[in-house]
Amino acid sequence: MQPKEIIEELGKSPEFKSWREEHKNFHLAHFFKDCSKEEIEVGYTNNDILAIFTLSSRGIRFSEEDEILKEDNLKINMLDIAKVKLDFEQAIEIARKINKEKYNNIQSIKEIVILQNIEAGQVYNITFITNSFETINIKIDAETGKVLKEEKVSFLTKLN
């Protein structure tokens, strides 16, 4: 499903409409998808508080608003959904292809996808967590599908 379609579906829900009336100063911050689950989280923020809506086949669920733990002066950029051309499946397929070609198809125990607007622009930030205490992180431009960055990091080297 395209992120734009997800936002349209969310916008039709009474839960979101009611929340939005009282939170006009919040902007779209991110999408979060654990590929082992069928649900997707959509985050909105005013840069101090984060509100999460979870969409699944069971409907839409609102999580309570939480204060954001962040560095001073860190601003969470608004995600411009009009500039997102790739859907989640297209982005994850690009990342899986890189994993297969560059990392000898390292088996992951979890695949996480975050669509967000960071310094590099609007990106799919995809992380494969492996059973060998490593992560493979791949950032893909959400408009063009171009791979912006990819790296493999060991948890063990981070602990030393």
N, C-alpha and C. Protein backbone atom coordinates (compact mmCIF):
# COMPACT_ATOMS: atom_id res chain seq x y z
N MET A 1 0.84 -1.18 0.00
CA MET A 1 0.00 0.00 0.00
C MET A 1 0.89 1.24 0.00
N GLN A 2 0.49 2.22 -0.76
CA GLN A 2 1.23 3.48 -0.82
C GLN A 2 1.02 4.28 0.47
N PRO A 3 2.04 4.98 0.94
CA PRO A 3 1.88 5.82 2.13
C PRO A 3 0.73 6.83 2.00
N LYS A 4 0.55 7.36 0.80
CA LYS A 4 -0.54 8.33 0.59
C LYS A 4 -1.90 7.67 0.86
N GLU A 5 -2.06 6.42 0.44
CA GLU A 5 -3.31 5.70 0.69
C GLU A 5 -3.52 5.44 2.18
N ILE A 6 -2.45 5.18 2.89
CA ILE A 6 -2.52 4.95 4.34
C ILE A 6 -3.01 6.23 5.03
N ILE A 7 -2.45 7.36 4.63
CA ILE A 7 -2.86 8.65 5.21
C ILE A 7 -4.33 8.95 4.89
N GLU A 8 -4.76 8.64 3.68
CA GLU A 8 -6.16 8.84 3.31
C GLU A 8 -7.08 7.98 4.17
N GLU A 9 -6.69 6.73 4.37
CA GLU A 9 -7.49 5.82 5.21
C GLU A 9 -7.55 6.33 6.64
N LEU A 10 -6.41 6.74 7.15
CA LEU A 10 -6.35 7.29 8.51
C LEU A 10 -7.24 8.52 8.64
N GLY A 11 -7.18 9.39 7.64
CA GLY A 11 -7.96 10.64 7.66
C GLY A 11 -9.46 10.44 7.68
N LYS A 12 -9.93 9.28 7.25
CA LYS A 12 -11.36 8.98 7.25
C LYS A 12 -11.86 8.50 8.61
N SER A 13 -10.96 8.11 9.48
CA SER A 13 -11.39 7.51 10.74
C SER A 13 -11.85 8.55 11.75
N PRO A 14 -12.92 8.23 12.49
CA PRO A 14 -13.41 9.16 13.52
C PRO A 14 -12.36 9.43 14.59
N GLU A 15 -11.54 8.42 14.94
CA GLU A 15 -10.51 8.59 15.96
C GLU A 15 -9.51 9.68 15.54
N PHE A 16 -9.08 9.59 14.29
CA PHE A 16 -8.10 10.56 13.81
C PHE A 16 -8.74 11.95 13.66
N LYS A 17 -9.94 12.01 13.10
CA LYS A 17 -10.61 13.30 12.92
C LYS A 17 -10.77 14.03 14.25
N SER A 18 -11.20 13.31 15.26
CA SER A 18 -11.38 13.89 16.59
C SER A 18 -10.05 14.38 17.15
N TRP A 19 -9.01 13.55 17.03
CA TRP A 19 -7.70 13.93 17.53
C TRP A 19 -7.17 15.15 16.77
N ARG A 20 -7.33 15.15 15.45
CA ARG A 20 -6.79 16.21 14.60
C ARG A 20 -7.40 17.57 14.93
N GLU A 21 -8.68 17.58 15.27
CA GLU A 21 -9.36 18.84 15.63
C GLU A 21 -8.65 19.55 16.77
N GLU A 22 -8.12 18.77 17.70
CA GLU A 22 -7.46 19.35 18.87
C GLU A 22 -5.94 19.45 18.72
N HIS A 23 -5.42 18.98 17.60
CA HIS A 23 -3.96 18.96 17.40
C HIS A 23 -3.57 19.48 16.02
N LYS A 24 -4.03 20.63 15.68
CA LYS A 24 -3.76 21.20 14.36
C LYS A 24 -2.29 21.56 14.16
N ASN A 25 -1.55 21.73 15.24
CA ASN A 25 -0.13 22.11 15.13
C ASN A 25 0.80 20.91 14.98
N PHE A 26 0.26 19.70 14.86
CA PHE A 26 1.07 18.50 14.67
C PHE A 26 1.26 18.24 13.18
N HIS A 27 2.42 17.70 12.82
CA HIS A 27 2.67 17.35 11.42
C HIS A 27 3.07 15.87 11.31
N LEU A 28 2.92 15.33 10.12
CA LEU A 28 3.30 13.94 9.87
C LEU A 28 4.80 13.81 10.05
N ALA A 29 5.22 12.84 10.87
CA ALA A 29 6.64 12.67 11.18
C ALA A 29 7.23 11.41 10.57
N HIS A 30 6.49 10.29 10.62
CA HIS A 30 7.07 9.04 10.14
C HIS A 30 6.02 7.95 9.97
N PHE A 31 6.44 6.91 9.27
CA PHE A 31 5.73 5.64 9.22
C PHE A 31 6.71 4.61 9.78
N PHE A 32 6.20 3.62 10.49
CA PHE A 32 7.04 2.56 11.04
C PHE A 32 6.38 1.23 10.73
N LYS A 33 7.18 0.31 10.17
CA LYS A 33 6.66 -1.01 9.82
C LYS A 33 7.63 -2.08 10.25
N ASP A 34 7.17 -2.99 11.11
CA ASP A 34 7.89 -4.21 11.44
C ASP A 34 7.38 -5.23 10.43
N CYS A 35 8.24 -5.70 9.55
CA CYS A 35 7.80 -6.55 8.44
C CYS A 35 7.23 -7.89 8.89
N SER A 36 7.40 -8.25 10.15
CA SER A 36 6.83 -9.51 10.64
C SER A 36 5.37 -9.33 11.07
N LYS A 37 4.89 -8.09 11.03
CA LYS A 37 3.50 -7.81 11.44
C LYS A 37 2.77 -7.15 10.29
N GLU A 38 1.45 -7.28 10.28
CA GLU A 38 0.68 -6.68 9.20
C GLU A 38 0.28 -5.24 9.50
N GLU A 39 0.57 -4.76 10.67
CA GLU A 39 0.17 -3.40 11.02
C GLU A 39 1.26 -2.38 10.66
N ILE A 40 0.85 -1.12 10.62
CA ILE A 40 1.79 -0.03 10.34
C ILE A 40 1.47 1.12 11.29
N GLU A 41 2.51 1.75 11.79
CA GLU A 41 2.34 2.89 12.68
C GLU A 41 2.60 4.18 11.92
N VAL A 42 1.78 5.18 12.22
CA VAL A 42 1.94 6.51 11.62
C VAL A 42 2.11 7.50 12.78
N GLY A 43 3.21 8.25 12.73
CA GLY A 43 3.52 9.18 13.81
C GLY A 43 3.33 10.63 13.41
N TYR A 44 2.75 11.40 14.32
CA TYR A 44 2.57 12.84 14.16
C TYR A 44 3.24 13.52 15.35
N THR A 45 3.82 14.70 15.11
CA THR A 45 4.51 15.40 16.19
C THR A 45 4.34 16.91 16.08
N ASN A 46 4.56 17.56 17.20
CA ASN A 46 4.71 19.02 17.22
C ASN A 46 6.13 19.36 17.66
N ASN A 47 7.02 18.38 17.61
CA ASN A 47 8.43 18.43 18.00
C ASN A 47 8.66 18.33 19.50
N ASP A 48 7.61 18.25 20.28
CA ASP A 48 7.74 18.00 21.71
C ASP A 48 7.04 16.71 22.11
N ILE A 49 5.95 16.42 21.41
CA ILE A 49 5.11 15.26 21.72
C ILE A 49 4.93 14.44 20.45
N LEU A 50 4.90 13.11 20.61
CA LEU A 50 4.68 12.21 19.50
C LEU A 50 3.37 11.46 19.73
N ALA A 51 2.53 11.44 18.71
CA ALA A 51 1.27 10.69 18.74
C ALA A 51 1.35 9.60 17.68
N ILE A 52 0.99 8.39 18.05
CA ILE A 52 1.09 7.25 17.14
C ILE A 52 -0.29 6.66 16.88
N PHE A 53 -0.58 6.44 15.60
CA PHE A 53 -1.78 5.73 15.17
C PHE A 53 -1.34 4.43 14.53
N THR A 54 -1.95 3.33 14.92
CA THR A 54 -1.62 2.02 14.37
C THR A 54 -2.77 1.54 13.51
N LEU A 55 -2.47 1.25 12.23
CA LEU A 55 -3.48 0.75 11.30
C LEU A 55 -3.23 -0.72 11.05
N SER A 56 -4.31 -1.51 11.11
CA SER A 56 -4.23 -2.94 10.83
C SER A 56 -5.58 -3.40 10.30
N SER A 57 -5.67 -4.67 9.99
CA SER A 57 -6.95 -5.20 9.50
C SER A 57 -8.03 -5.13 10.58
N ARG A 58 -7.62 -4.96 11.83
CA ARG A 58 -8.58 -4.84 12.93
C ARG A 58 -9.07 -3.41 13.12
N GLY A 59 -8.53 -2.48 12.34
CA GLY A 59 -8.96 -1.10 12.45
C GLY A 59 -7.82 -0.17 12.81
N ILE A 60 -8.18 0.97 13.39
CA ILE A 60 -7.21 1.99 13.75
C ILE A 60 -7.19 2.15 15.26
N ARG A 61 -5.98 2.14 15.81
CA ARG A 61 -5.80 2.28 17.25
C ARG A 61 -4.91 3.49 17.51
N PHE A 62 -5.28 4.29 18.48
CA PHE A 62 -4.50 5.46 18.86
C PHE A 62 -3.71 5.14 20.11
N SER A 63 -2.40 5.40 20.07
CA SER A 63 -1.57 5.27 21.27
C SER A 63 -1.50 6.62 21.94
N GLU A 64 -1.37 6.60 23.21
CA GLU A 64 -1.27 7.86 23.94
C GLU A 64 -0.09 8.69 23.43
N GLU A 65 -0.21 9.98 23.60
CA GLU A 65 0.88 10.88 23.23
C GLU A 65 1.99 10.77 24.26
N ASP A 66 3.23 10.79 23.78
CA ASP A 66 4.39 10.73 24.67
C ASP A 66 5.34 11.86 24.34
N GLU A 67 6.04 12.33 25.38
CA GLU A 67 7.08 13.32 25.15
C GLU A 67 8.21 12.69 24.37
N ILE A 68 8.81 13.47 23.50
CA ILE A 68 9.91 12.99 22.67
C ILE A 68 11.22 13.15 23.41
N LEU A 69 11.98 12.06 23.46
CA LEU A 69 13.33 12.13 24.00
C LEU A 69 14.25 12.50 22.86
N LYS A 70 14.82 13.69 22.91
CA LYS A 70 15.64 14.15 21.79
C LYS A 70 16.71 15.10 22.29
N GLU A 71 17.67 15.31 21.43
CA GLU A 71 18.71 16.28 21.72
C GLU A 71 18.11 17.68 21.65
N ASP A 72 18.70 18.61 22.41
CA ASP A 72 18.24 19.99 22.37
C ASP A 72 18.29 20.53 20.95
N ASN A 73 17.32 21.30 20.58
CA ASN A 73 17.21 21.96 19.29
C ASN A 73 17.03 21.01 18.11
N LEU A 74 16.80 19.74 18.37
CA LEU A 74 16.55 18.80 17.28
C LEU A 74 15.11 18.97 16.82
N LYS A 75 14.96 19.18 15.54
CA LYS A 75 13.64 19.36 14.96
C LYS A 75 13.32 18.13 14.12
N ILE A 76 12.12 17.59 14.31
CA ILE A 76 11.68 16.46 13.50
C ILE A 76 11.00 17.03 12.27
N ASN A 77 11.58 16.75 11.11
CA ASN A 77 11.08 17.31 9.87
C ASN A 77 9.73 16.70 9.48
N MET A 78 8.93 17.51 8.83
CA MET A 78 7.65 17.04 8.32
C MET A 78 7.89 16.12 7.13
N LEU A 79 7.19 15.03 7.10
CA LEU A 79 7.24 14.10 5.98
C LEU A 79 6.24 14.59 4.94
N ASP A 80 6.72 14.90 3.75
CA ASP A 80 5.87 15.38 2.66
C ASP A 80 5.45 14.19 1.82
N ILE A 81 4.25 13.73 2.06
CA ILE A 81 3.75 12.51 1.44
C ILE A 81 3.65 12.63 -0.08
N ALA A 82 3.50 13.84 -0.59
CA ALA A 82 3.41 14.04 -2.04
C ALA A 82 4.71 13.69 -2.76
N LYS A 83 5.82 13.73 -2.04
CA LYS A 83 7.12 13.42 -2.64
C LYS A 83 7.51 11.95 -2.51
N VAL A 84 6.66 11.15 -1.88
CA VAL A 84 6.95 9.73 -1.69
C VAL A 84 6.36 8.97 -2.86
N LYS A 85 7.21 8.40 -3.70
CA LYS A 85 6.76 7.68 -4.90
C LYS A 85 6.83 6.16 -4.72
N LEU A 86 7.77 5.68 -3.90
CA LEU A 86 7.91 4.24 -3.66
C LEU A 86 6.96 3.82 -2.55
N ASP A 87 6.42 2.60 -2.65
CA ASP A 87 5.67 2.07 -1.53
C ASP A 87 6.59 1.21 -0.67
N PHE A 88 6.09 0.72 0.43
CA PHE A 88 6.91 -0.06 1.35
C PHE A 88 7.49 -1.31 0.70
N GLU A 89 6.69 -2.02 -0.07
CA GLU A 89 7.17 -3.25 -0.71
C GLU A 89 8.29 -2.98 -1.70
N GLN A 90 8.18 -1.91 -2.48
CA GLN A 90 9.25 -1.58 -3.43
C GLN A 90 10.54 -1.27 -2.69
N ALA A 91 10.45 -0.51 -1.62
CA ALA A 91 11.64 -0.14 -0.85
C ALA A 91 12.29 -1.38 -0.22
N ILE A 92 11.50 -2.24 0.38
CA ILE A 92 12.06 -3.42 1.03
C ILE A 92 12.67 -4.37 0.00
N GLU A 93 12.11 -4.44 -1.19
CA GLU A 93 12.70 -5.30 -2.24
C GLU A 93 14.06 -4.78 -2.68
N ILE A 94 14.21 -3.46 -2.78
CA ILE A 94 15.51 -2.87 -3.10
C ILE A 94 16.52 -3.25 -2.02
N ALA A 95 16.11 -3.12 -0.76
CA ALA A 95 17.01 -3.43 0.36
C ALA A 95 17.35 -4.92 0.39
N ARG A 96 16.40 -5.78 0.14
CA ARG A 96 16.67 -7.22 0.14
C ARG A 96 17.65 -7.59 -0.98
N LYS A 97 17.53 -6.91 -2.11
CA LYS A 97 18.45 -7.17 -3.22
C LYS A 97 19.88 -6.79 -2.83
N ILE A 98 20.04 -5.67 -2.15
CA ILE A 98 21.36 -5.25 -1.68
C ILE A 98 21.90 -6.26 -0.68
N ASN A 99 21.05 -6.70 0.23
CA ASN A 99 21.46 -7.69 1.22
C ASN A 99 21.96 -8.95 0.52
N LYS A 100 21.24 -9.40 -0.47
CA LYS A 100 21.60 -10.62 -1.20
C LYS A 100 22.92 -10.44 -1.95
N GLU A 101 23.08 -9.31 -2.62
CA GLU A 101 24.27 -9.09 -3.45
C GLU A 101 25.51 -8.72 -2.66
N LYS A 102 25.38 -7.85 -1.68
CA LYS A 102 26.56 -7.31 -0.99
C LYS A 102 26.88 -8.01 0.33
N TYR A 103 25.90 -8.61 0.94
CA TYR A 103 26.12 -9.21 2.26
C TYR A 103 25.86 -10.70 2.26
N ASN A 104 26.05 -11.33 1.11
CA ASN A 104 25.91 -12.78 0.97
C ASN A 104 24.58 -13.30 1.52
N ASN A 105 23.55 -12.49 1.33
CA ASN A 105 22.21 -12.90 1.73
C ASN A 105 22.16 -13.28 3.22
N ILE A 106 22.72 -12.45 4.05
CA ILE A 106 22.71 -12.68 5.50
C ILE A 106 21.26 -12.77 5.96
N GLN A 107 20.96 -13.81 6.69
CA GLN A 107 19.60 -14.02 7.17
C GLN A 107 19.28 -13.05 8.31
N SER A 108 18.15 -12.41 8.21
CA SER A 108 17.74 -11.50 9.26
C SER A 108 16.65 -12.14 10.11
N ILE A 109 16.62 -11.74 11.38
CA ILE A 109 15.56 -12.22 12.26
C ILE A 109 14.46 -11.17 12.38
N LYS A 110 14.76 -9.96 11.91
CA LYS A 110 13.76 -8.90 11.94
C LYS A 110 14.10 -7.89 10.86
N GLU A 111 13.05 -7.39 10.19
CA GLU A 111 13.20 -6.33 9.19
C GLU A 111 12.30 -5.17 9.62
N ILE A 112 12.91 -4.00 9.74
CA ILE A 112 12.18 -2.82 10.19
C ILE A 112 12.32 -1.74 9.12
N VAL A 113 11.20 -1.08 8.82
CA VAL A 113 11.20 -0.01 7.82
C VAL A 113 10.63 1.25 8.47
N ILE A 114 11.37 2.34 8.34
CA ILE A 114 10.90 3.65 8.80
C ILE A 114 10.94 4.60 7.60
N LEU A 115 9.84 5.23 7.33
CA LEU A 115 9.79 6.27 6.31
C LEU A 115 9.81 7.59 7.05
N GLN A 116 10.84 8.41 6.78
CA GLN A 116 11.01 9.65 7.54
C GLN A 116 11.73 10.69 6.70
N ASN A 117 11.72 11.92 7.18
CA ASN A 117 12.41 13.02 6.53
C ASN A 117 13.60 13.39 7.41
N ILE A 118 14.81 13.03 6.94
CA ILE A 118 16.04 13.31 7.68
C ILE A 118 16.93 14.22 6.84
N GLU A 119 18.14 14.46 7.30
CA GLU A 119 19.07 15.33 6.56
C GLU A 119 19.22 14.94 5.11
N ALA A 120 19.24 13.65 4.84
CA ALA A 120 19.40 13.16 3.46
C ALA A 120 18.14 13.34 2.63
N GLY A 121 17.05 13.75 3.25
CA GLY A 121 15.77 13.92 2.56
C GLY A 121 14.75 12.91 3.04
N GLN A 122 13.78 12.67 2.22
CA GLN A 122 12.73 11.72 2.57
C GLN A 122 13.19 10.33 2.19
N VAL A 123 13.38 9.49 3.20
CA VAL A 123 13.99 8.19 2.98
C VAL A 123 13.22 7.07 3.64
N TYR A 124 13.38 5.90 3.02
CA TYR A 124 13.03 4.65 3.68
C TYR A 124 14.30 4.23 4.38
N ASN A 125 14.25 4.15 5.68
CA ASN A 125 15.38 3.76 6.51
C ASN A 125 15.11 2.30 6.92
N ILE A 126 15.77 1.37 6.26
CA ILE A 126 15.47 -0.05 6.43
C ILE A 126 16.61 -0.73 7.19
N THR A 127 16.24 -1.46 8.23
CA THR A 127 17.23 -2.15 9.05
C THR A 127 16.91 -3.63 9.11
N PHE A 128 17.91 -4.44 8.78
CA PHE A 128 17.84 -5.89 8.95
C PHE A 128 18.61 -6.21 10.23
N ILE A 129 17.98 -6.87 11.16
CA ILE A 129 18.66 -7.31 12.38
C ILE A 129 18.94 -8.80 12.21
N THR A 130 20.20 -9.17 12.41
CA THR A 130 20.60 -10.56 12.17
C THR A 130 20.78 -11.31 13.49
N ASN A 131 20.83 -12.63 13.39
CA ASN A 131 21.06 -13.44 14.59
C ASN A 131 22.54 -13.51 14.96
N SER A 132 23.40 -12.85 14.20
CA SER A 132 24.84 -12.81 14.49
C SER A 132 25.25 -11.46 15.08
N PHE A 133 24.30 -10.79 15.74
CA PHE A 133 24.56 -9.53 16.41
C PHE A 133 25.05 -8.44 15.46
N GLU A 134 24.43 -8.38 14.29
CA GLU A 134 24.76 -7.35 13.31
C GLU A 134 23.47 -6.70 12.82
N THR A 135 23.61 -5.50 12.30
CA THR A 135 22.52 -4.86 11.58
C THR A 135 23.03 -4.45 10.21
N ILE A 136 22.14 -4.52 9.26
CA ILE A 136 22.40 -3.97 7.94
C ILE A 136 21.40 -2.84 7.78
N ASN A 137 21.90 -1.63 7.58
CA ASN A 137 21.02 -0.47 7.44
C ASN A 137 21.16 0.10 6.04
N ILE A 138 20.01 0.32 5.41
CA ILE A 138 19.99 0.83 4.04
C ILE A 138 19.01 1.99 3.98
N LYS A 139 19.49 3.13 3.47
CA LYS A 139 18.65 4.31 3.30
C LYS A 139 18.37 4.48 1.81
N ILE A 140 17.08 4.57 1.47
CA ILE A 140 16.65 4.65 0.07
C ILE A 140 15.81 5.91 -0.11
N ASP A 141 16.14 6.70 -1.13
CA ASP A 141 15.36 7.89 -1.45
C ASP A 141 13.92 7.47 -1.76
N ALA A 142 12.96 8.05 -1.05
CA ALA A 142 11.56 7.65 -1.17
C ALA A 142 10.91 8.11 -2.47
N GLU A 143 11.56 9.02 -3.17
CA GLU A 143 11.01 9.51 -4.44
C GLU A 143 11.62 8.78 -5.63
N THR A 144 12.94 8.57 -5.60
CA THR A 144 13.62 8.03 -6.77
C THR A 144 13.98 6.55 -6.66
N GLY A 145 14.05 6.03 -5.44
CA GLY A 145 14.48 4.65 -5.24
C GLY A 145 15.99 4.50 -5.21
N LYS A 146 16.72 5.61 -5.29
CA LYS A 146 18.18 5.57 -5.25
C LYS A 146 18.66 5.21 -3.85
N VAL A 147 19.65 4.32 -3.78
CA VAL A 147 20.24 3.95 -2.49
C VAL A 147 21.19 5.07 -2.08
N LEU A 148 20.91 5.68 -0.92
CA LEU A 148 21.71 6.80 -0.45
C LEU A 148 22.86 6.36 0.45
N LYS A 149 22.62 5.28 1.21
CA LYS A 149 23.64 4.80 2.14
C LYS A 149 23.30 3.36 2.52
N GLU A 150 24.34 2.57 2.71
CA GLU A 150 24.14 1.22 3.23
C GLU A 150 25.37 0.83 4.01
N GLU A 151 25.13 0.15 5.13
CA GLU A 151 26.25 -0.27 5.97
C GLU A 151 25.85 -1.46 6.84
N LYS A 152 26.86 -2.22 7.20
CA LYS A 152 26.68 -3.32 8.14
C LYS A 152 27.44 -2.97 9.40
N VAL A 153 26.78 -3.12 10.55
CA VAL A 153 27.39 -2.77 11.83
C VAL A 153 27.20 -3.93 12.79
N SER A 154 28.26 -4.24 13.52
CA SER A 154 28.20 -5.30 14.52
C SER A 154 27.86 -4.68 15.88
N PHE A 155 26.92 -5.30 16.59
CA PHE A 155 26.62 -4.86 17.95
C PHE A 155 27.82 -5.05 18.86
N LEU A 156 28.58 -6.10 18.59
CA LEU A 156 29.72 -6.42 19.44
C LEU A 156 30.80 -5.36 19.40
N THR A 157 31.05 -4.74 18.24
CA THR A 157 32.06 -3.68 18.15
C THR A 157 31.56 -2.41 18.84
N LYS A 158 30.24 -2.23 18.86
CA LYS A 158 29.67 -1.07 19.53
C LYS A 158 29.80 -1.19 21.05
N LEU A 159 29.86 -2.42 21.56
CA LEU A 159 29.95 -2.64 23.01
C LEU A 159 31.35 -2.43 23.53
N ASN A 160 32.34 -2.55 22.69
CA ASN A 160 33.75 -2.41 23.12
C ASN A 160 34.19 -0.98 23.17
